[in-house]
Protein backbone atom coordinates (compact mmCIF):
# COMPACT_ATOMS: atom_id res chain seq x y z
CA MET A 1 2.92 16.43 5.80
CA ILE A 2 1.46 14.46 8.70
CA ILE A 3 1.60 10.66 8.76
CA ARG A 4 -0.92 9.20 11.20
CA GLN A 5 -3.04 6.13 11.77
CA ALA A 6 -6.22 6.32 9.72
CA LYS A 7 -9.63 6.73 11.29
CA ARG A 8 -12.75 5.17 9.87
CA SER A 9 -13.92 8.72 9.11
CA ASP A 10 -11.01 8.93 6.59
CA ILE A 11 -12.38 6.13 4.40
CA GLN A 12 -14.14 8.42 1.89
CA GLN A 13 -10.96 10.41 1.20
CA MET A 14 -8.87 7.23 1.12
CA ALA A 15 -11.23 5.75 -1.49
CA GLU A 16 -10.86 8.93 -3.56
CA VAL A 17 -7.05 8.58 -3.37
CA GLN A 18 -7.20 4.91 -4.38
CA VAL A 19 -9.51 5.49 -7.35
CA SER A 20 -7.45 8.46 -8.53
CA SER A 21 -4.23 6.43 -8.21
CA TRP A 22 -5.69 3.49 -10.10
CA ASN A 23 -6.74 5.81 -12.92
CA THR A 24 -3.32 7.44 -13.25
CA THR A 25 -1.15 4.38 -12.56
CA TYR A 26 -2.98 1.39 -13.98
CA ARG A 27 -4.85 2.81 -16.98
CA GLY A 28 -3.29 0.96 -19.91
CA LEU A 29 -1.94 -1.83 -17.68
CA PHE A 30 -5.34 -3.21 -16.68
CA PRO A 31 -8.36 -3.45 -18.97
CA ASP A 32 -10.54 -0.32 -18.78
CA ASP A 33 -13.50 -2.26 -17.37
CA ILE A 34 -11.44 -3.24 -14.30
CA ILE A 35 -10.27 0.36 -13.79
CA ASP A 36 -13.77 1.76 -14.31
CA SER A 37 -15.30 -0.72 -11.85
CA ARG A 38 -13.22 0.75 -9.01
CA THR A 39 -15.47 3.60 -7.95
CA VAL A 40 -15.19 5.70 -4.81
CA GLU A 41 -18.43 4.13 -3.60
CA SER A 42 -17.25 0.54 -4.17
CA ARG A 43 -13.83 1.19 -2.61
CA SER A 44 -15.38 2.94 0.43
CA LYS A 45 -17.69 -0.01 0.97
CA ASN A 46 -14.81 -2.49 0.65
CA MET A 47 -12.63 -0.56 3.10
CA SER A 48 -15.48 -0.17 5.61
CA THR A 49 -16.35 -3.84 5.47
CA HIS A 50 -13.05 -5.67 5.07
CA TRP A 51 -10.12 -3.49 6.15
CA LYS A 52 -8.57 -3.64 9.62
CA GLY A 53 -5.93 -1.43 11.19
CA PHE A 54 -7.80 1.81 11.71
CA GLU A 55 -7.44 3.85 14.90
CA GLY A 56 -9.08 1.86 17.70
CA ASP A 57 -8.77 -1.51 15.93
CA GLU A 58 -6.81 -4.20 17.74
CA GLY A 59 -4.48 -6.59 15.99
CA THR A 60 -1.58 -6.97 13.62
CA ARG A 61 -2.61 -4.55 10.85
CA ILE A 62 -2.35 -0.81 10.39
CA VAL A 63 -3.65 1.78 7.95
CA LEU A 64 -1.70 5.04 7.73
CA VAL A 65 -2.65 8.25 5.94
CA ALA A 66 -0.59 11.14 4.61
CA GLU A 67 -2.47 14.32 5.43
CA THR A 68 -1.67 17.90 4.44
CA GLU A 69 -1.88 20.74 6.92
CA GLU A 70 -5.22 21.56 5.28
CA LYS A 71 -6.47 18.10 6.40
CA GLU A 72 -6.53 16.68 2.85
CA ILE A 73 -5.55 13.02 2.63
CA VAL A 74 -3.20 12.65 -0.34
CA GLY A 75 -1.95 9.12 0.26
CA PHE A 76 -2.23 6.06 2.43
CA SER A 77 -0.65 2.71 3.13
CA ALA A 78 -1.86 -0.49 4.75
CA GLY A 79 0.09 -3.42 6.09
CA GLY A 80 0.67 -5.93 8.81
CA ASP A 81 1.00 -9.68 9.06
CA ILE A 82 1.72 -11.50 5.81
CA PHE A 83 -1.29 -12.64 3.75
CA VAL A 84 0.42 -15.45 1.84
CA LYS A 85 1.46 -18.01 4.42
CA GLY A 86 4.45 -20.17 3.64
CA LEU A 87 6.73 -17.36 2.53
CA PRO A 88 9.69 -16.63 4.83
CA TYR A 89 8.65 -13.04 5.65
CA ASP A 90 6.91 -11.67 8.72
CA GLY A 91 5.10 -8.60 7.41
CA GLU A 92 3.55 -7.25 4.26
CA CYS A 93 2.73 -3.88 2.77
CA TYR A 94 -0.74 -4.55 1.36
CA ALA A 95 -1.24 -1.22 -0.35
CA ILE A 96 0.29 2.18 -0.85
CA TYR A 97 -1.43 4.88 -2.89
CA ILE A 98 -0.51 8.51 -3.41
CA ILE A 99 -2.32 10.90 -5.73
CA LYS A 100 -0.20 11.80 -8.73
CA GLU A 101 0.38 15.46 -7.82
CA TYR A 102 2.04 14.37 -4.56
CA GLN A 103 4.18 11.53 -5.93
CA GLY A 104 7.95 12.03 -5.92
CA LYS A 105 7.84 14.27 -2.82
CA GLY A 106 8.96 11.71 -0.23
CA ILE A 107 5.46 10.80 0.98
CA GLY A 108 5.81 7.16 -0.06
CA ALA A 109 9.02 6.88 1.96
CA LEU A 110 7.28 8.39 5.01
CA LEU A 111 4.39 5.93 4.69
CA MET A 112 6.80 2.99 4.34
CA LYS A 113 8.77 4.18 7.39
CA GLY A 114 5.55 4.35 9.41
CA LEU A 115 4.65 0.84 8.34
CA ALA A 116 8.15 -0.43 9.19
CA GLU A 117 7.92 1.14 12.66
CA PHE A 118 4.60 -0.64 13.24
CA LEU A 119 5.97 -3.99 12.04
CA LEU A 120 8.91 -3.66 14.42
CA THR A 121 6.50 -3.18 17.36
CA LEU A 122 5.14 -6.63 16.46
CA ASP A 123 8.72 -7.97 16.40
CA TYR A 124 8.41 -8.54 12.64
CA ARG A 125 11.82 -8.32 11.01
CA SER A 126 11.11 -8.75 7.29
CA MET A 127 8.53 -7.43 4.83
CA ILE A 128 7.25 -8.00 1.31
CA VAL A 129 5.14 -5.91 -1.05
CA TRP A 130 3.58 -7.32 -4.22
CA VAL A 131 3.71 -5.03 -7.25
CA MET A 132 2.51 -5.46 -10.80
CA GLU A 133 5.62 -6.09 -12.91
CA GLU A 134 4.84 -3.18 -15.28
CA ASN A 135 4.06 -0.73 -12.47
CA PRO A 136 6.36 2.31 -12.59
CA ALA A 137 6.42 2.18 -8.76
CA CYS A 138 8.85 -0.75 -8.99
CA ARG A 139 11.62 1.87 -9.19
CA PHE A 140 10.39 3.40 -5.91
CA TYR A 141 10.63 0.08 -4.06
CA GLU A 142 14.12 -0.54 -5.46
CA LYS A 143 15.20 2.98 -4.47
CA ILE A 144 14.15 2.40 -0.86
CA GLY A 145 15.97 -0.92 -0.62
CA GLY A 146 13.43 -3.50 -1.76
CA VAL A 147 14.90 -6.50 -3.58
CA ALA A 148 12.84 -8.32 -6.22
CA LYS A 149 12.93 -11.86 -4.78
CA GLU A 150 9.51 -13.37 -5.38
CA ARG A 151 7.15 -13.74 -8.34
CA LYS A 152 3.56 -14.84 -8.72
CA ILE A 153 0.65 -14.58 -11.11
CA ASP A 154 -2.52 -12.84 -9.95
CA LYS A 155 -5.91 -12.81 -11.61
CA TYR A 156 -8.29 -9.87 -12.02
CA GLY A 157 -11.41 -11.02 -13.78
CA GLU A 158 -10.23 -13.17 -16.66
CA GLU A 159 -6.87 -11.42 -16.98
CA GLU A 160 -3.63 -12.72 -15.47
CA PHE A 161 -0.88 -10.37 -14.33
CA ASN A 162 2.72 -10.94 -13.29
CA LEU A 163 3.55 -9.64 -9.83
CA VAL A 164 6.97 -9.04 -8.31
CA GLY A 165 7.52 -9.40 -4.58
CA TYR A 166 9.92 -6.75 -3.31
CA VAL A 167 11.49 -7.88 -0.04
CA TRP A 168 13.22 -6.21 2.87
CA GLU A 169 15.02 -8.92 4.84
CA ASN A 170 15.59 -6.38 7.61
CA VAL A 171 12.69 -3.94 8.07
CA GLU A 172 14.96 -1.62 10.08
CA THR A 173 16.66 -0.60 6.82
CA VAL A 174 13.42 1.13 5.77
CA LEU A 175 13.80 3.49 8.74
CA LYS A 176 17.07 4.78 7.22
CA ILE A 177 15.66 5.91 3.88
C-alpha cells in the first residue's frame, strides 16, 4: 500500500471512495436522502472547488491517498490547520475514508501517521478529529490513542447529530501506532 499526497487527477477516485464509505458507514445513521444526495459527481465538484492540500498546493493543509500497487485509490485523508478556532488544538483531521473491503488492514493508521508527519512539519503538536457519536470508527480513533475530549452538535439539513472530538495532545504519539 502506498500513502502519498493526492493529485487533483485523483479526485474522481477519491469521490468514489467517499460515496462508497458514506453508503456503508452512515446508512441508517443519517436519513437516506442525505446519503443519496452524496453522489460521485457532487463530491468530485466539491473537492475540485473547495479542497486544498493537493500536490502542488501551498499552505497548511494536505490530502493523502492510499493507493494499491494496481493504482487503485482505496482510501484518503485530509487535514491541516484547525477549522474551529478557539479550541486548544493546532491541527485537525478533516476526513478519513476507506472503502469497506480495505478497512481493518492498517490503512487508516498509515493515513493518520502521514497526517501527523505533515502536522509536525508545521510545528503543530496537537490534533482533533470530529466523529459522529454513533460511528463505528470511534473504536479506531480510541485504538490509535485518541481521547474523547470534546463534544458538539452538527446539523445536516434539518437533522442534528452529536459529534465527539477525539484529541491527541501530542501528535508524535500517532507516529508510534
